[in-house]
C-alpha atoms as a PDB file:
ATOM      1  CA  MET A   1      65.994 177.588 107.963  1.00  0.00           C
ATOM      2  CA  THR A   2      65.285 175.573 111.096  1.00  0.00           C
ATOM      3  CA  ALA A   3      61.677 174.617 111.583  1.00  0.00           C
ATOM      4  CA  THR A   4      60.140 176.503 114.501  1.00  0.00           C
ATOM      5  CA  ARG A   5      56.435 175.992 113.858  1.00  0.00           C
ATOM      6  CA  PRO A   6      54.908 172.519 113.640  1.00  0.00           C
ATOM      7  CA  GLU A   7      52.650 171.953 110.658  1.00  0.00           C
ATOM      8  CA  GLN A   8      49.089 171.837 111.933  1.00  0.00           C
ATOM      9  CA  PRO A   9      46.727 169.285 110.378  1.00  0.00           C
ATOM     10  CA  VAL A  10      44.309 170.341 107.657  1.00  0.00           C
ATOM     11  CA  PRO A  11      40.784 170.672 109.099  1.00  0.00           C
ATOM     12  CA  ASP A  12      37.889 168.584 107.871  1.00  0.00           C
ATOM     13  CA  TYR A  13      36.264 169.709 104.651  1.00  0.00           C
ATOM     14  CA  VAL A  14      33.241 171.915 105.321  1.00  0.00           C
ATOM     15  CA  PRO A  15      29.966 170.643 103.790  1.00  0.00           C
ATOM     16  CA  GLY A  16      27.774 172.961 101.742  1.00  0.00           C
ATOM     17  CA  HIS A  17      25.022 175.025 103.346  1.00  0.00           C
ATOM     18  CA  ASN A  18      23.095 176.141 100.246  1.00  0.00           C
ATOM     19  CA  LEU A  19      24.507 179.670 100.503  1.00  0.00           C
ATOM     20  CA  LEU A  20      24.302 180.309  96.755  1.00  0.00           C
ATOM     21  CA  ALA A  21      20.994 178.624  95.942  1.00  0.00           C
ATOM     22  CA  GLY A  22      19.677 179.551  92.528  1.00  0.00           C
ATOM     23  CA  LYS A  23      22.653 181.713  91.546  1.00  0.00           C
ATOM     24  CA  VAL A  24      24.507 181.723  88.230  1.00  0.00           C
ATOM     25  CA  VAL A  25      28.222 182.023  88.948  1.00  0.00           C
ATOM     26  CA  VAL A  26      31.080 182.823  86.554  1.00  0.00           C
ATOM     27  CA  VAL A  27      34.652 181.894  87.552  1.00  0.00           C
ATOM     28  CA  THR A  28      37.804 182.702  85.565  1.00  0.00           C
ATOM     29  CA  ALA A  29      40.995 180.602  85.505  1.00  0.00           C
ATOM     30  CA  ALA A  30      39.265 177.577  86.966  1.00  0.00           C
ATOM     31  CA  ALA A  31      40.710 174.524  85.206  1.00  0.00           C
ATOM     32  CA  GLY A  32      43.283 172.445  87.041  1.00  0.00           C
ATOM     33  CA  ALA A  33      43.615 172.067  90.794  1.00  0.00           C
ATOM     34  CA  GLY A  34      44.107 175.575  92.193  1.00  0.00           C
ATOM     35  CA  ILE A  35      41.865 178.125  93.861  1.00  0.00           C
ATOM     36  CA  GLY A  36      39.678 178.598  90.770  1.00  0.00           C
ATOM     37  CA  ALA A  37      38.865 174.896  90.529  1.00  0.00           C
ATOM     38  CA  ALA A  38      38.128 174.800  94.259  1.00  0.00           C
ATOM     39  CA  VAL A  39      35.749 177.740  93.882  1.00  0.00           C
ATOM     40  CA  VAL A  40      33.832 176.019  91.072  1.00  0.00           C
ATOM     41  CA  ARG A  41      33.305 172.919  93.188  1.00  0.00           C
ATOM     42  CA  ARG A  42      32.424 174.973  96.254  1.00  0.00           C
ATOM     43  CA  VAL A  43      29.731 177.062  94.505  1.00  0.00           C
ATOM     44  CA  LEU A  44      28.130 173.901  93.138  1.00  0.00           C
ATOM     45  CA  GLU A  45      28.142 172.380  96.621  1.00  0.00           C
ATOM     46  CA  GLU A  46      26.547 175.598  97.874  1.00  0.00           C
ATOM     47  CA  GLY A  47      23.549 175.117  95.598  1.00  0.00           C
ATOM     48  CA  ALA A  48      24.358 177.388  92.665  1.00  0.00           C
ATOM     49  CA  LYS A  49      21.930 176.971  89.790  1.00  0.00           C
ATOM     50  CA  ALA A  50      24.869 176.839  87.370  1.00  0.00           C
ATOM     51  CA  VAL A  51      28.535 177.708  87.095  1.00  0.00           C
ATOM     52  CA  VAL A  52      30.284 178.941  83.958  1.00  0.00           C
ATOM     53  CA  PHE A  53      34.030 178.580  84.272  1.00  0.00           C
ATOM     54  CA  SER A  54      36.899 179.506  82.013  1.00  0.00           C
ATOM     55  CA  ASP A  55      40.602 179.056  81.444  1.00  0.00           C
ATOM     56  CA  THR A  56      43.026 179.269  78.542  1.00  0.00           C
ATOM     57  CA  HIS A  57      43.604 175.484  78.503  1.00  0.00           C
ATOM     58  CA  ALA A  58      40.878 173.859  76.405  1.00  0.00           C
ATOM     59  CA  ARG A  59      41.789 170.263  77.257  1.00  0.00           C
ATOM     60  CA  ARG A  60      41.842 170.818  81.007  1.00  0.00           C
ATOM     61  CA  LEU A  61      38.562 172.733  80.784  1.00  0.00           C
ATOM     62  CA  ALA A  62      36.865 169.902  78.922  1.00  0.00           C
ATOM     63  CA  GLU A  63      38.157 167.327  81.409  1.00  0.00           C
ATOM     64  CA  ALA A  64      36.939 169.413  84.344  1.00  0.00           C
ATOM     65  CA  GLU A  65      33.522 169.906  82.748  1.00  0.00           C
ATOM     66  CA  THR A  66      33.103 166.176  82.172  1.00  0.00           C
ATOM     67  CA  ALA A  67      34.029 165.302  85.751  1.00  0.00           C
ATOM     68  CA  LEU A  68      31.840 168.000  87.306  1.00  0.00           C
ATOM     69  CA  ALA A  69      28.883 167.189  85.040  1.00  0.00           C
ATOM     70  CA  GLU A  70      28.977 163.562  86.159  1.00  0.00           C
ATOM     71  CA  GLU A  71      28.944 164.617  89.797  1.00  0.00           C
ATOM     72  CA  PHE A  72      26.618 167.635  89.785  1.00  0.00           C
ATOM     73  CA  GLY A  73      24.638 167.323  86.537  1.00  0.00           C
ATOM     74  CA  ALA A  74      25.443 168.560  83.052  1.00  0.00           C
ATOM     75  CA  GLU A  75      22.770 171.268  83.226  1.00  0.00           C
ATOM     76  CA  ARG A  76      24.680 172.999  86.035  1.00  0.00           C
ATOM     77  CA  VAL A  77      28.123 173.114  84.418  1.00  0.00           C
ATOM     78  CA  ARG A  78      29.369 175.079  81.403  1.00  0.00           C
ATOM     79  CA  GLN A  79      32.891 176.005  80.333  1.00  0.00           C
ATOM     80  CA  LEU A  80      34.449 178.275  77.737  1.00  0.00           C
ATOM     81  CA  VAL A  81      38.023 179.097  76.804  1.00  0.00           C
ATOM     82  CA  CYS A  82      38.636 182.700  77.808  1.00  0.00           C
ATOM     83  CA  ASP A  83      41.744 184.854  77.781  1.00  0.00           C
ATOM     84  CA  VAL A  84      41.052 187.809  80.095  1.00  0.00           C
ATOM     85  CA  THR A  85      43.393 189.994  78.055  1.00  0.00           C
ATOM     86  CA  ASP A  86      40.781 189.866  75.267  1.00  0.00           C
ATOM     87  CA  GLU A  87      37.662 191.946  75.908  1.00  0.00           C
ATOM     88  CA  THR A  88      35.717 190.014  73.255  1.00  0.00           C
ATOM     89  CA  GLN A  89      36.409 186.697  74.974  1.00  0.00           C
ATOM     90  CA  VAL A  90      35.346 188.115  78.346  1.00  0.00           C
ATOM     91  CA  ALA A  91      32.054 189.233  76.774  1.00  0.00           C
ATOM     92  CA  ALA A  92      31.571 185.782  75.233  1.00  0.00           C
ATOM     93  CA  LEU A  93      32.016 184.180  78.663  1.00  0.00           C
ATOM     94  CA  LEU A  94      29.238 186.329  80.092  1.00  0.00           C
ATOM     95  CA  ASP A  95      27.077 185.576  77.051  1.00  0.00           C
ATOM     96  CA  VAL A  96      27.144 181.920  78.135  1.00  0.00           C
ATOM     97  CA  ALA A  97      25.892 182.979  81.556  1.00  0.00           C
ATOM     98  CA  ASP A  98      23.110 184.948  79.854  1.00  0.00           C
ATOM     99  CA  GLU A  99      21.886 181.693  78.303  1.00  0.00           C
ATOM    100  CA  LEU A 100      21.412 180.372  81.844  1.00  0.00           C
ATOM    101  CA  GLY A 101      19.587 183.411  83.178  1.00  0.00           C
ATOM    102  CA  GLY A 102      22.437 185.874  83.507  1.00  0.00           C
ATOM    103  CA  VAL A 103      25.401 186.187  85.838  1.00  0.00           C
ATOM    104  CA  ASP A 104      24.653 186.770  89.525  1.00  0.00           C
ATOM    105  CA  ILE A 105      28.165 186.337  90.906  1.00  0.00           C
ATOM    106  CA  MET A 106      31.437 187.068  89.077  1.00  0.00           C
ATOM    107  CA  ILE A 107      34.591 185.570  90.606  1.00  0.00           C
ATOM    108  CA  ASN A 108      37.783 186.923  89.056  1.00  0.00           C
ATOM    109  CA  ASN A 109      40.564 184.456  89.734  1.00  0.00           C
ATOM    110  CA  ALA A 110      42.799 184.863  86.656  1.00  0.00           C
ATOM    111  CA  GLY A 111      46.347 185.961  87.379  1.00  0.00           C
ATOM    112  CA  LEU A 112      49.940 185.350  86.374  1.00  0.00           C
ATOM    113  CA  GLY A 113      53.048 185.359  88.522  1.00  0.00           C
ATOM    114  CA  GLY A 114      56.746 184.876  87.903  1.00  0.00           C
ATOM    115  CA  THR A 115      60.063 185.642  89.550  1.00  0.00           C
ATOM    116  CA  ALA A 116      62.532 188.271  88.355  1.00  0.00           C
ATOM    117  CA  SER A 117      64.610 191.000  89.927  1.00  0.00           C
ATOM    118  CA  VAL A 118      63.701 194.546  88.897  1.00  0.00           C
ATOM    119  CA  LEU A 119      67.306 194.799  87.684  1.00  0.00           C
ATOM    120  CA  GLU A 120      66.643 192.123  85.083  1.00  0.00           C
ATOM    121  CA  MET A 121      62.876 192.276  84.536  1.00  0.00           C
ATOM    122  CA  THR A 122      61.941 193.139  80.951  1.00  0.00           C
ATOM    123  CA  ASP A 123      59.088 195.360  79.842  1.00  0.00           C
ATOM    124  CA  GLU A 124      57.495 192.255  78.332  1.00  0.00           C
ATOM    125  CA  GLN A 125      57.579 190.393  81.659  1.00  0.00           C
ATOM    126  CA  TRP A 126      56.178 193.394  83.533  1.00  0.00           C
ATOM    127  CA  LEU A 127      53.408 194.130  81.057  1.00  0.00           C
ATOM    128  CA  LYS A 128      52.287 190.498  80.700  1.00  0.00           C
ATOM    129  CA  VAL A 129      51.791 190.081  84.453  1.00  0.00           C
ATOM    130  CA  LEU A 130      50.014 193.438  84.733  1.00  0.00           C
ATOM    131  CA  ASP A 131      47.779 192.771  81.720  1.00  0.00           C
ATOM    132  CA  ILE A 132      46.537 189.397  82.950  1.00  0.00           C
ATOM    133  CA  THR A 133      46.477 189.985  86.696  1.00  0.00           C
ATOM    134  CA  LEU A 134      45.330 193.615  86.976  1.00  0.00           C
ATOM    135  CA  THR A 135      43.926 194.738  83.632  1.00  0.00           C
ATOM    136  CA  GLY A 136      42.286 191.344  83.106  1.00  0.00           C
ATOM    137  CA  THR A 137      40.518 191.718  86.438  1.00  0.00           C
ATOM    138  CA  PHE A 138      39.436 195.230  85.434  1.00  0.00           C
ATOM    139  CA  ARG A 139      37.971 193.939  82.167  1.00  0.00           C
ATOM    140  CA  CYS A 140      35.949 191.328  84.031  1.00  0.00           C
ATOM    141  CA  VAL A 141      34.768 193.785  86.698  1.00  0.00           C
ATOM    142  CA  ARG A 142      33.669 196.236  84.015  1.00  0.00           C
ATOM    143  CA  ALA A 143      31.918 193.598  81.919  1.00  0.00           C
ATOM    144  CA  ALA A 144      30.085 192.008  84.854  1.00  0.00           C
ATOM    145  CA  GLY A 145      29.172 195.412  86.273  1.00  0.00           C
ATOM    146  CA  GLN A 146      27.669 196.472  82.967  1.00  0.00           C
ATOM    147  CA  ARG A 147      25.579 193.273  82.800  1.00  0.00           C
ATOM    148  CA  PHE A 148      24.343 193.770  86.360  1.00  0.00           C
ATOM    149  CA  VAL A 149      23.321 197.373  85.700  1.00  0.00           C
ATOM    150  CA  ALA A 150      21.592 196.475  82.423  1.00  0.00           C
ATOM    151  CA  SER A 151      19.633 193.640  84.043  1.00  0.00           C
ATOM    152  CA  GLY A 152      18.899 195.461  87.289  1.00  0.00           C
ATOM    153  CA  LYS A 153      20.512 192.651  89.293  1.00  0.00           C
ATOM    154  CA  LYS A 154      22.164 193.407  92.605  1.00  0.00           C
ATOM    155  CA  GLY A 155      25.105 191.251  91.661  1.00  0.00           C
ATOM    156  CA  VAL A 156      28.340 190.413  93.427  1.00  0.00           C
ATOM    157  CA  ILE A 157      31.940 190.594  92.213  1.00  0.00           C
ATOM    158  CA  ILE A 158      34.778 188.828  94.043  1.00  0.00           C
ATOM    159  CA  ASN A 159      38.400 189.460  93.037  1.00  0.00           C
ATOM    160  CA  ASN A 160      41.454 187.394  93.950  1.00  0.00           C
ATOM    161  CA  ALA A 161      44.286 189.539  95.298  1.00  0.00           C
ATOM    162  CA  SER A 162      47.280 188.400  97.383  1.00  0.00           C
ATOM    163  CA  VAL A 163      49.070 189.310 100.588  1.00  0.00           C
ATOM    164  CA  ILE A 164      51.995 190.169  98.321  1.00  0.00           C
ATOM    165  CA  GLY A 165      50.010 193.283  97.461  1.00  0.00           C
ATOM    166  CA  TRP A 166      50.704 194.339 101.070  1.00  0.00           C
ATOM    167  CA  ARG A 167      54.019 192.669 101.867  1.00  0.00           C
ATOM    168  CA  ALA A 168      57.287 192.752  99.969  1.00  0.00           C
ATOM    169  CA  GLN A 169      58.798 189.597  98.478  1.00  0.00           C
ATOM    170  CA  GLU A 170      62.012 189.389  96.507  1.00  0.00           C
ATOM    171  CA  GLY A 171      61.594 189.001  92.757  1.00  0.00           C
ATOM    172  CA  GLN A 172      57.861 189.777  92.834  1.00  0.00           C
ATOM    173  CA  ALA A 173      57.703 193.482  91.893  1.00  0.00           C
ATOM    174  CA  HIS A 174      55.395 192.927  88.892  1.00  0.00           C
ATOM    175  CA  TYR A 175      53.066 190.511  90.692  1.00  0.00           C
ATOM    176  CA  ALA A 176      52.986 192.605  93.870  1.00  0.00           C
ATOM    177  CA  ALA A 177      52.197 195.762  91.900  1.00  0.00           C
ATOM    178  CA  ALA A 178      49.426 193.953  90.028  1.00  0.00           C
ATOM    179  CA  LYS A 179      47.845 192.520  93.174  1.00  0.00           C
ATOM    180  CA  ALA A 180      48.059 195.859  94.991  1.00  0.00           C
ATOM    181  CA  GLY A 181      46.288 197.269  91.960  1.00  0.00           C
ATOM    182  CA  VAL A 182      43.560 194.622  92.277  1.00  0.00           C
ATOM    183  CA  MET A 183      43.009 195.764  95.855  1.00  0.00           C
ATOM    184  CA  ALA A 184      42.707 199.417  94.831  1.00  0.00           C
ATOM    185  CA  LEU A 185      40.475 198.490  91.887  1.00  0.00           C
ATOM    186  CA  THR A 186      38.216 196.564  94.269  1.00  0.00           C
ATOM    187  CA  ARG A 187      37.802 199.518  96.621  1.00  0.00           C
ATOM    188  CA  CYS A 188      37.142 202.067  93.876  1.00  0.00           C
ATOM    189  CA  ALA A 189      34.846 199.826  91.808  1.00  0.00           C
ATOM    190  CA  ALA A 190      32.829 199.129  94.950  1.00  0.00           C
ATOM    191  CA  LEU A 191      32.013 202.834  95.272  1.00  0.00           C
ATOM    192  CA  ASP A 192      31.189 203.158  91.572  1.00  0.00           C
ATOM    193  CA  LEU A 193      28.780 200.217  91.713  1.00  0.00           C
ATOM    194  CA  ALA A 194      27.268 200.738  95.167  1.00  0.00           C
ATOM    195  CA  PRO A 195      24.472 203.040  93.877  1.00  0.00           C
ATOM    196  CA  HIS A 196      23.268 200.052  91.816  1.00  0.00           C
ATOM    197  CA  GLY A 197      23.257 197.701  94.821  1.00  0.00           C
ATOM    198  CA  ILE A 198      26.243 195.797  93.461  1.00  0.00           C
ATOM    199  CA  ARG A 199      28.914 194.583  95.887  1.00  0.00           C
ATOM    200  CA  VAL A 200      32.633 194.251  95.079  1.00  0.00           C
ATOM    201  CA  ASN A 201      35.089 192.583  97.468  1.00  0.00           C
ATOM    202  CA  ALA A 202      38.382 190.716  97.273  1.00  0.00           C
ATOM    203  CA  VAL A 203      40.241 187.968  99.067  1.00  0.00           C
ATOM    204  CA  SER A 204      43.955 188.181  99.743  1.00  0.00           C
ATOM    205  CA  PRO A 205      45.444 184.698 100.204  1.00  0.00           C
ATOM    206  CA  SER A 206      48.935 184.154 101.540  1.00  0.00           C
ATOM    207  CA  LEU A 207      50.030 180.628 100.631  1.00  0.00           C
ATOM    208  CA  ALA A 208      47.598 178.147  99.072  1.00  0.00           C
ATOM    209  CA  MET A 209      49.073 174.814  98.109  1.00  0.00           C
ATOM    210  CA  HIS A 210      48.266 173.149  94.794  1.00  0.00           C
ATOM    211  CA  PRO A 211      50.214 170.930  92.368  1.00  0.00           C
ATOM    212  CA  PHE A 212      51.349 173.743  90.044  1.00  0.00           C
ATOM    213  CA  LEU A 213      52.794 175.757  92.932  1.00  0.00           C
ATOM    214  CA  ALA A 214      54.627 172.694  94.190  1.00  0.00           C
ATOM    215  CA  LYS A 215      56.025 172.120  90.698  1.00  0.00           C
ATOM    216  CA  VAL A 216      57.448 175.620  90.209  1.00  0.00           C
ATOM    217  CA  THR A 217      58.609 176.310  93.784  1.00  0.00           C
ATOM    218  CA  SER A 218      61.615 174.773  95.500  1.00  0.00           C
ATOM    219  CA  ASP A 219      61.150 172.731  98.653  1.00  0.00           C
ATOM    220  CA  GLU A 220      63.366 175.215 100.493  1.00  0.00           C
ATOM    221  CA  LEU A 221      61.212 178.210  99.564  1.00  0.00           C
ATOM    222  CA  LEU A 222      57.982 176.354 100.344  1.00  0.00           C
ATOM    223  CA  HIS A 223      59.346 175.467 103.764  1.00  0.00           C
ATOM    224  CA  GLU A 224      60.326 179.092 104.379  1.00  0.00           C
ATOM    225  CA  LEU A 225      56.900 180.348 103.302  1.00  0.00           C
ATOM    226  CA  LYS A 226      55.123 177.814 105.519  1.00  0.00           C
ATOM    227  CA  GLN A 227      57.201 178.985 108.474  1.00  0.00           C
ATOM    228  CA  ARG A 228      55.731 182.474 108.047  1.00  0.00           C
ATOM    229  CA  GLU A 229      52.287 181.024 108.681  1.00  0.00           C
ATOM    230  CA  ALA A 230      50.930 180.719 112.214  1.00  0.00           C
ATOM    231  CA  PHE A 231      49.662 177.204 111.484  1.00  0.00           C
ATOM    232  CA  GLY A 232      52.969 176.139 109.911  1.00  0.00           C
ATOM    233  CA  ARG A 233      51.209 175.032 106.733  1.00  0.00           C
ATOM    234  CA  ALA A 234      49.788 176.350 103.493  1.00  0.00           C
ATOM    235  CA  ALA A 235      46.067 176.850 103.066  1.00  0.00           C
ATOM    236  CA  GLU A 236      44.149 174.312 101.051  1.00  0.00           C
ATOM    237  CA  PRO A 237      42.589 175.932  97.940  1.00  0.00           C
ATOM    238  CA  TRP A 238      39.121 175.111  99.301  1.00  0.00           C
ATOM    239  CA  GLU A 239      39.858 177.155 102.417  1.00  0.00           C
ATOM    240  CA  VAL A 240      40.302 180.216 100.212  1.00  0.00           C
ATOM    241  CA  ALA A 241      37.216 179.248  98.209  1.00  0.00           C
ATOM    242  CA  ASN A 242      35.177 179.146 101.421  1.00  0.00           C
ATOM    243  CA  VAL A 243      35.901 182.823 102.079  1.00  0.00           C
ATOM    244  CA  MET A 244      35.036 183.739  98.495  1.00  0.00           C
ATOM    245  CA  VAL A 245      31.707 181.940  98.865  1.00  0.00           C
ATOM    246  CA  MET A 246      30.977 183.745 102.116  1.00  0.00           C
ATOM    247  CA  LEU A 247      31.648 187.118 100.472  1.00  0.00           C
ATOM    248  CA  ALA A 248      29.449 186.140  97.529  1.00  0.00           C
ATOM    249  CA  SER A 249      26.600 185.089  99.793  1.00  0.00           C
ATOM    250  CA  ASP A 250      23.923 187.128 101.538  1.00  0.00           C
ATOM    251  CA  TYR A 251      25.865 186.742 104.793  1.00  0.00           C
ATOM    252  CA  ALA A 252      28.113 189.522 103.459  1.00  0.00           C
ATOM    253  CA  SER A 253      25.261 191.814 102.383  1.00  0.00           C
ATOM    254  CA  TYR A 254      26.781 194.894 104.070  1.00  0.00           C
ATOM    255  CA  MET A 255      30.350 194.272 102.899  1.00  0.00           C
ATOM    256  CA  THR A 256      31.725 196.079  99.859  1.00  0.00           C
ATOM    257  CA  GLY A 257      35.119 197.490  98.975  1.00  0.00           C
ATOM    258  CA  GLU A 258      36.792 195.122 101.435  1.00  0.00           C
ATOM    259  CA  VAL A 259      39.966 193.091 100.946  1.00  0.00           C
ATOM    260  CA  VAL A 260      39.828 190.093 103.281  1.00  0.00           C
ATOM    261  CA  ALA A 261      43.080 188.340 104.120  1.00  0.00           C
ATOM    262  CA  VAL A 262      42.889 184.549 103.942  1.00  0.00           C
ATOM    263  CA  SER A 263      46.053 184.027 105.848  1.00  0.00           C
ATOM    264  CA  SER A 264      47.539 182.732 109.065  1.00  0.00           C
ATOM    265  CA  GLN A 265      50.688 184.821 108.644  1.00  0.00           C
ATOM    266  CA  GLN A 266      52.325 186.078 111.800  1.00  0.00           C
ATOM    267  CA  ALA A 267      51.725 189.727 112.654  1.00  0.00           C
END
């Protein structure tokens, strides 16, 4: 594919504005260098009292905790291995937040992709993506919602969807179905929780560049995907995190049930 859109430069990193002062934030799938890790850093920069973050990779979690504790203070950073397909582990993650005063903001970032044609996709492939990406998000929404109601907190839940939930992409039937489900879950959960003053929203990123994506995606496909973007480039993970933080903050106090595209894709 011939390049038709020049790659625009990445903007300067936005400094924190204390948008989440005093809040206890829980973030799933946040080890490594993707959107989850960017969200953890962003909420700390925005003045969160503490962040509890999880992943299924114990070593990466420990390394991230050590680095963040040195920069932001050990009292503000906690991590726990958590598989969102296990309800008990999700509860244990929120128990850690309870030790810090209880969750105020739940950011559900865990998801699993993959590429397979529907002609060749197995039940195992389909169910694994759906269980982590959609049902895992449901488990976290339910668990956080129950904690908010029990404590009387007007908490916030932010889910990570994807533009693939709206737009077709070859080989992505399981992931697209799961992310479309996250969008529908967000809208319905928002109505269920609104009487308690709890807000539920989602972001829908298009293409966010991080090392794992670069590793598993060919240069040709990455180039093609970038050409679909108005800016001719992928988003930085922190650009997605910025929108999550905005939705979690009081600036979005009248927003619930919304799915906000974080995308420069052409109309």
